Amino acid sequence: MASILEKIEHDALSLSRQERAFLADRLLSSLDGDALTDIDVAWVAEAERRHQEYKEGKRHGIPAQEVFAEADRLLK
């Protein structure tokens, strides 16, 4: 069992920062089952608030190309 865990750990640590963050989130979420965490609830509320502002014309969309470029810049 330890050797399997060591291989998984080695493989996980060789992932990119973004991939490790995604994997960590998935693993932590699996411990909670299907229940939303306080953080999940807060993000859903924030997303709904921003969507409502967008529909009301109080917030403007950002082109995907700009969003991805900024994400790439932050992850480097």
C-alpha atoms as a PDB file:
ATOM      1  CA  MET A   1       0.000   0.000   0.000  1.00  0.00           C
ATOM      2  CA  ALA A   2       2.780   2.436   0.883  1.00  0.00           C
ATOM      3  CA  SER A   3       4.417   1.962  -2.496  1.00  0.00           C
ATOM      4  CA  ILE A   4       1.176   2.809  -4.307  1.00  0.00           C
ATOM      5  CA  LEU A   5       0.749   5.915  -2.171  1.00  0.00           C
ATOM      6  CA  GLU A   6       4.369   6.918  -2.772  1.00  0.00           C
ATOM      7  CA  LYS A   7       3.884   6.557  -6.555  1.00  0.00           C
ATOM      8  CA  ILE A   8       0.683   8.615  -6.457  1.00  0.00           C
ATOM      9  CA  GLU A   9       2.428  11.272  -4.377  1.00  0.00           C
ATOM     10  CA  HIS A  10       5.409  11.341  -6.745  1.00  0.00           C
ATOM     11  CA  ASP A  11       3.152  11.594  -9.792  1.00  0.00           C
ATOM     12  CA  ALA A  12       1.000  14.288  -8.180  1.00  0.00           C
ATOM     13  CA  LEU A  13       4.011  16.404  -7.265  1.00  0.00           C
ATOM     14  CA  SER A  14       5.207  16.281 -10.863  1.00  0.00           C
ATOM     15  CA  LEU A  15       1.993  17.990 -12.038  1.00  0.00           C
ATOM     16  CA  SER A  16       1.846  21.691 -12.802  1.00  0.00           C
ATOM     17  CA  ARG A  17       0.766  24.087 -10.077  1.00  0.00           C
ATOM     18  CA  GLN A  18      -2.670  24.429 -11.649  1.00  0.00           C
ATOM     19  CA  GLU A  19      -3.119  20.674 -11.965  1.00  0.00           C
ATOM     20  CA  ARG A  20      -2.034  20.118  -8.335  1.00  0.00           C
ATOM     21  CA  ALA A  21      -4.519  22.758  -7.144  1.00  0.00           C
ATOM     22  CA  PHE A  22      -7.305  21.096  -9.128  1.00  0.00           C
ATOM     23  CA  LEU A  23      -6.366  17.662  -7.763  1.00  0.00           C
ATOM     24  CA  ALA A  24      -6.172  18.973  -4.192  1.00  0.00           C
ATOM     25  CA  ASP A  25      -9.614  20.526  -4.527  1.00  0.00           C
ATOM     26  CA  ARG A  26     -11.055  17.284  -5.891  1.00  0.00           C
ATOM     27  CA  LEU A  27      -9.495  15.235  -3.104  1.00  0.00           C
ATOM     28  CA  LEU A  28     -10.684  17.583  -0.373  1.00  0.00           C
ATOM     29  CA  SER A  29     -14.161  17.708  -1.888  1.00  0.00           C
ATOM     30  CA  SER A  30     -14.295  13.926  -1.882  1.00  0.00           C
ATOM     31  CA  LEU A  31     -13.929  13.939   1.909  1.00  0.00           C
ATOM     32  CA  ASP A  32     -17.079  16.016   2.288  1.00  0.00           C
ATOM     33  CA  GLY A  33     -19.178  13.893  -0.027  1.00  0.00           C
ATOM     34  CA  ASP A  34     -21.741  15.868  -1.986  1.00  0.00           C
ATOM     35  CA  ALA A  35     -22.192  18.560   0.666  1.00  0.00           C
ATOM     36  CA  LEU A  36     -21.139  22.086  -0.227  1.00  0.00           C
ATOM     37  CA  THR A  37     -18.512  23.635   2.002  1.00  0.00           C
ATOM     38  CA  ASP A  38     -18.819  27.171   3.354  1.00  0.00           C
ATOM     39  CA  ILE A  39     -16.359  28.236   0.666  1.00  0.00           C
ATOM     40  CA  ASP A  40     -18.460  26.598  -2.063  1.00  0.00           C
ATOM     41  CA  VAL A  41     -21.576  28.353  -0.778  1.00  0.00           C
ATOM     42  CA  ALA A  42     -19.755  31.701  -0.711  1.00  0.00           C
ATOM     43  CA  TRP A  43     -18.511  31.249  -4.297  1.00  0.00           C
ATOM     44  CA  VAL A  44     -21.984  30.326  -5.542  1.00  0.00           C
ATOM     45  CA  ALA A  45     -23.433  33.426  -3.857  1.00  0.00           C
ATOM     46  CA  GLU A  46     -20.698  35.603  -5.380  1.00  0.00           C
ATOM     47  CA  ALA A  47     -21.249  34.132  -8.849  1.00  0.00           C
ATOM     48  CA  GLU A  48     -24.995  34.685  -8.589  1.00  0.00           C
ATOM     49  CA  ARG A  49     -24.441  38.283  -7.427  1.00  0.00           C
ATOM     50  CA  ARG A  50     -22.077  38.990 -10.333  1.00  0.00           C
ATOM     51  CA  HIS A  51     -24.463  37.380 -12.821  1.00  0.00           C
ATOM     52  CA  GLN A  52     -27.324  39.523 -11.546  1.00  0.00           C
ATOM     53  CA  GLU A  53     -25.169  42.654 -11.873  1.00  0.00           C
ATOM     54  CA  TYR A  54     -24.297  41.605 -15.434  1.00  0.00           C
ATOM     55  CA  LYS A  55     -27.970  41.114 -16.341  1.00  0.00           C
ATOM     56  CA  GLU A  56     -28.796  44.535 -14.875  1.00  0.00           C
ATOM     57  CA  GLY A  57     -26.033  46.191 -16.919  1.00  0.00           C
ATOM     58  CA  LYS A  58     -24.018  47.093 -13.820  1.00  0.00           C
ATOM     59  CA  ARG A  59     -21.156  44.800 -14.796  1.00  0.00           C
ATOM     60  CA  HIS A  60     -19.677  44.259 -18.244  1.00  0.00           C
ATOM     61  CA  GLY A  61     -18.354  41.009 -19.617  1.00  0.00           C
ATOM     62  CA  ILE A  62     -14.666  40.416 -20.193  1.00  0.00           C
ATOM     63  CA  PRO A  63     -13.590  38.651 -23.400  1.00  0.00           C
ATOM     64  CA  ALA A  64     -12.403  35.095 -22.742  1.00  0.00           C
ATOM     65  CA  GLN A  65      -9.064  35.831 -24.431  1.00  0.00           C
ATOM     66  CA  GLU A  66      -8.349  38.519 -21.810  1.00  0.00           C
ATOM     67  CA  VAL A  67      -9.429  36.271 -18.951  1.00  0.00           C
ATOM     68  CA  PHE A  68      -7.211  33.391 -20.092  1.00  0.00           C
ATOM     69  CA  ALA A  69      -4.252  35.691 -20.725  1.00  0.00           C
ATOM     70  CA  GLU A  70      -4.545  37.089 -17.202  1.00  0.00           C
ATOM     71  CA  ALA A  71      -4.880  33.578 -15.733  1.00  0.00           C
ATOM     72  CA  ASP A  72      -1.750  32.455 -17.615  1.00  0.00           C
ATOM     73  CA  ARG A  73       0.133  35.524 -16.361  1.00  0.00           C
ATOM     74  CA  LEU A  74      -0.870  34.829 -12.750  1.00  0.00           C
ATOM     75  CA  LEU A  75       0.023  31.153 -12.908  1.00  0.00           C
ATOM     76  CA  LYS A  76       3.552  31.737 -14.216  1.00  0.00           C
END
